[in-house]
Amino acid sequence: MFPIHRNRRLRTNDSIRSLVRETILTPNDFMFPMFIA
């Protein structure tokens, strides 16, 4: 069962939010290695 109340405490923390944002991969991150191969 999924919890009814989601814990959004991490989303309000700017330092944690920036850390998560840096680890998310976008299609642009894969463009450069494709040109090398």
PDB file of N, CA and C in Angstrom:
ATOM      1  N   MET A   1       0.840  -1.202   0.000  1.00  0.00           N
ATOM      2  CA  MET A   1       0.000   0.000   0.000  1.00  0.00           C
ATOM      3  C   MET A   1       0.876   1.253   0.000  1.00  0.00           C
ATOM      4  N   PHE A   2       0.458   2.228  -0.782  1.00  0.00           N
ATOM      5  CA  PHE A   2       1.191   3.482  -0.812  1.00  0.00           C
ATOM      6  C   PHE A   2       0.744   4.364   0.349  1.00  0.00           C
ATOM      7  N   PRO A   3       1.678   5.095   0.936  1.00  0.00           N
ATOM      8  CA  PRO A   3       1.270   5.999   2.024  1.00  0.00           C
ATOM      9  C   PRO A   3       0.381   7.116   1.494  1.00  0.00           C
ATOM     10  N   ILE A   4      -0.605   7.464   2.289  1.00  0.00           N
ATOM     11  CA  ILE A   4      -1.527   8.518   1.860  1.00  0.00           C
ATOM     12  C   ILE A   4      -0.821   9.875   1.881  1.00  0.00           C
ATOM     13  N   HIS A   5      -0.007  10.086   2.913  1.00  0.00           N
ATOM     14  CA  HIS A   5       0.700  11.363   3.033  1.00  0.00           C
ATOM     15  C   HIS A   5       2.133  11.181   2.560  1.00  0.00           C
ATOM     16  N   ARG A   6       2.529  11.918   1.533  1.00  0.00           N
ATOM     17  CA  ARG A   6       3.903  11.827   1.047  1.00  0.00           C
ATOM     18  C   ARG A   6       4.803  12.754   1.854  1.00  0.00           C
ATOM     19  N   ASN A   7       5.998  12.260   2.134  1.00  0.00           N
ATOM     20  CA  ASN A   7       6.947  13.063   2.894  1.00  0.00           C
ATOM     21  C   ASN A   7       7.656  14.027   1.946  1.00  0.00           C
ATOM     22  N   ARG A   8       7.345  15.310   2.069  1.00  0.00           N
ATOM     23  CA  ARG A   8       7.932  16.310   1.174  1.00  0.00           C
ATOM     24  C   ARG A   8       8.955  17.180   1.890  1.00  0.00           C
ATOM     25  N   ARG A   9       9.492  16.665   2.988  1.00  0.00           N
ATOM     26  CA  ARG A   9      10.440  17.464   3.749  1.00  0.00           C
ATOM     27  C   ARG A   9      11.735  17.679   2.963  1.00  0.00           C
ATOM     28  N   LEU A  10      12.133  16.671   2.164  1.00  0.00           N
ATOM     29  CA  LEU A  10      13.382  16.794   1.418  1.00  0.00           C
ATOM     30  C   LEU A  10      13.275  17.835   0.308  1.00  0.00           C
ATOM     31  N   ARG A  11      12.086  17.979  -0.237  1.00  0.00           N
ATOM     32  CA  ARG A  11      11.915  18.891  -1.358  1.00  0.00           C
ATOM     33  C   ARG A  11      12.060  20.355  -0.937  1.00  0.00           C
ATOM     34  N   THR A  12      11.859  20.622   0.352  1.00  0.00           N
ATOM     35  CA  THR A  12      11.958  22.007   0.818  1.00  0.00           C
ATOM     36  C   THR A  12      13.395  22.388   1.147  1.00  0.00           C
ATOM     37  N   ASN A  13      14.282  21.395   1.244  1.00  0.00           N
ATOM     38  CA  ASN A  13      15.673  21.680   1.562  1.00  0.00           C
ATOM     39  C   ASN A  13      16.423  21.997   0.268  1.00  0.00           C
ATOM     40  N   ASP A  14      16.942  23.225   0.153  1.00  0.00           N
ATOM     41  CA  ASP A  14      17.577  23.658  -1.090  1.00  0.00           C
ATOM     42  C   ASP A  14      18.837  22.860  -1.399  1.00  0.00           C
ATOM     43  N   SER A  15      19.641  22.553  -0.388  1.00  0.00           N
ATOM     44  CA  SER A  15      20.889  21.837  -0.642  1.00  0.00           C
ATOM     45  C   SER A  15      20.611  20.425  -1.148  1.00  0.00           C
ATOM     46  N   ILE A  16      19.624  19.754  -0.551  1.00  0.00           N
ATOM     47  CA  ILE A  16      19.280  18.405  -1.003  1.00  0.00           C
ATOM     48  C   ILE A  16      18.627  18.463  -2.378  1.00  0.00           C
ATOM     49  N   ARG A  17      17.813  19.489  -2.605  1.00  0.00           N
ATOM     50  CA  ARG A  17      17.134  19.604  -3.896  1.00  0.00           C
ATOM     51  C   ARG A  17      18.150  19.827  -5.021  1.00  0.00           C
ATOM     52  N   SER A  18      19.199  20.630  -4.759  1.00  0.00           N
ATOM     53  CA  SER A  18      20.220  20.863  -5.774  1.00  0.00           C
ATOM     54  C   SER A  18      21.046  19.600  -5.999  1.00  0.00           C
ATOM     55  N   LEU A  19      21.258  18.825  -4.944  1.00  0.00           N
ATOM     56  CA  LEU A  19      21.995  17.569  -5.084  1.00  0.00           C
ATOM     57  C   LEU A  19      21.229  16.596  -5.971  1.00  0.00           C
ATOM     58  N   VAL A  20      19.928  16.494  -5.750  1.00  0.00           N
ATOM     59  CA  VAL A  20      19.111  15.589  -6.559  1.00  0.00           C
ATOM     60  C   VAL A  20      19.051  16.076  -8.001  1.00  0.00           C
ATOM     61  N   ARG A  21      18.996  17.403  -8.175  1.00  0.00           N
ATOM     62  CA  ARG A  21      18.895  17.951  -9.520  1.00  0.00           C
ATOM     63  C   ARG A  21      20.166  17.659 -10.326  1.00  0.00           C
ATOM     64  N   GLU A  22      21.341  17.600  -9.640  1.00  0.00           N
ATOM     65  CA  GLU A  22      22.589  17.361 -10.358  1.00  0.00           C
ATOM     66  C   GLU A  22      22.742  15.901 -10.763  1.00  0.00           C
ATOM     67  N   THR A  23      22.035  14.993 -10.089  1.00  0.00           N
ATOM     68  CA  THR A  23      22.197  13.579 -10.396  1.00  0.00           C
ATOM     69  C   THR A  23      21.203  13.097 -11.443  1.00  0.00           C
ATOM     70  N   ILE A  24      20.241  13.952 -11.816  1.00  0.00           N
ATOM     71  CA  ILE A  24      19.261  13.554 -12.826  1.00  0.00           C
ATOM     72  C   ILE A  24      19.894  13.672 -14.211  1.00  0.00           C
ATOM     73  N   LEU A  25      19.826  12.595 -14.999  1.00  0.00           N
ATOM     74  CA  LEU A  25      20.410  12.603 -16.335  1.00  0.00           C
ATOM     75  C   LEU A  25      19.377  13.043 -17.355  1.00  0.00           C
ATOM     76  N   THR A  26      19.813  13.918 -18.245  1.00  0.00           N
ATOM     77  CA  THR A  26      18.950  14.387 -19.325  1.00  0.00           C
ATOM     78  C   THR A  26      19.503  13.864 -20.642  1.00  0.00           C
ATOM     79  N   PRO A  27      18.728  13.885 -21.713  1.00  0.00           N
ATOM     80  CA  PRO A  27      19.247  13.443 -23.021  1.00  0.00           C
ATOM     81  C   PRO A  27      20.496  14.206 -23.442  1.00  0.00           C
ATOM     82  N   ASN A  28      20.678  15.435 -22.974  1.00  0.00           N
ATOM     83  CA  ASN A  28      21.878  16.201 -23.321  1.00  0.00           C
ATOM     84  C   ASN A  28      23.139  15.587 -22.721  1.00  0.00           C
ATOM     85  N   ASP A  29      23.006  14.865 -21.621  1.00  0.00           N
ATOM     86  CA  ASP A  29      24.169  14.244 -21.001  1.00  0.00           C
ATOM     87  C   ASP A  29      24.696  13.084 -21.835  1.00  0.00           C
ATOM     88  N   PHE A  30      23.862  12.523 -22.701  1.00  0.00           N
ATOM     89  CA  PHE A  30      24.279  11.384 -23.506  1.00  0.00           C
ATOM     90  C   PHE A  30      24.755  11.792 -24.896  1.00  0.00           C
ATOM     91  N   MET A  31      24.596  13.048 -25.260  1.00  0.00           N
ATOM     92  CA  MET A  31      24.958  13.483 -26.603  1.00  0.00           C
ATOM     93  C   MET A  31      26.464  13.417 -26.843  1.00  0.00           C
ATOM     94  N   PHE A  32      27.266  13.935 -25.915  1.00  0.00           N
ATOM     95  CA  PHE A  32      28.706  14.002 -26.119  1.00  0.00           C
ATOM     96  C   PHE A  32      29.359  12.620 -26.248  1.00  0.00           C
ATOM     97  N   PRO A  33      29.050  11.645 -25.371  1.00  0.00           N
ATOM     98  CA  PRO A  33      29.643  10.306 -25.534  1.00  0.00           C
ATOM     99  C   PRO A  33      29.227   9.623 -26.832  1.00  0.00           C
ATOM    100  N   MET A  34      28.081   9.958 -27.376  1.00  0.00           N
ATOM    101  CA  MET A  34      27.651   9.316 -28.621  1.00  0.00           C
ATOM    102  C   MET A  34      28.510   9.778 -29.788  1.00  0.00           C
ATOM    103  N   PHE A  35      28.985  11.029 -29.748  1.00  0.00           N
ATOM    104  CA  PHE A  35      29.832  11.518 -30.830  1.00  0.00           C
ATOM    105  C   PHE A  35      31.220  10.887 -30.767  1.00  0.00           C
ATOM    106  N   ILE A  36      31.676  10.531 -29.568  1.00  0.00           N
ATOM    107  CA  ILE A  36      32.997   9.906 -29.436  1.00  0.00           C
ATOM    108  C   ILE A  36      32.959   8.485 -29.977  1.00  0.00           C
ATOM    109  N   ALA A  37      31.902   7.759 -29.675  1.00  0.00           N
ATOM    110  CA  ALA A  37      31.787   6.376 -30.126  1.00  0.00           C
ATOM    111  C   ALA A  37      31.345   6.351 -31.571  1.00  0.00           C
TER     112      ALA A  37
END
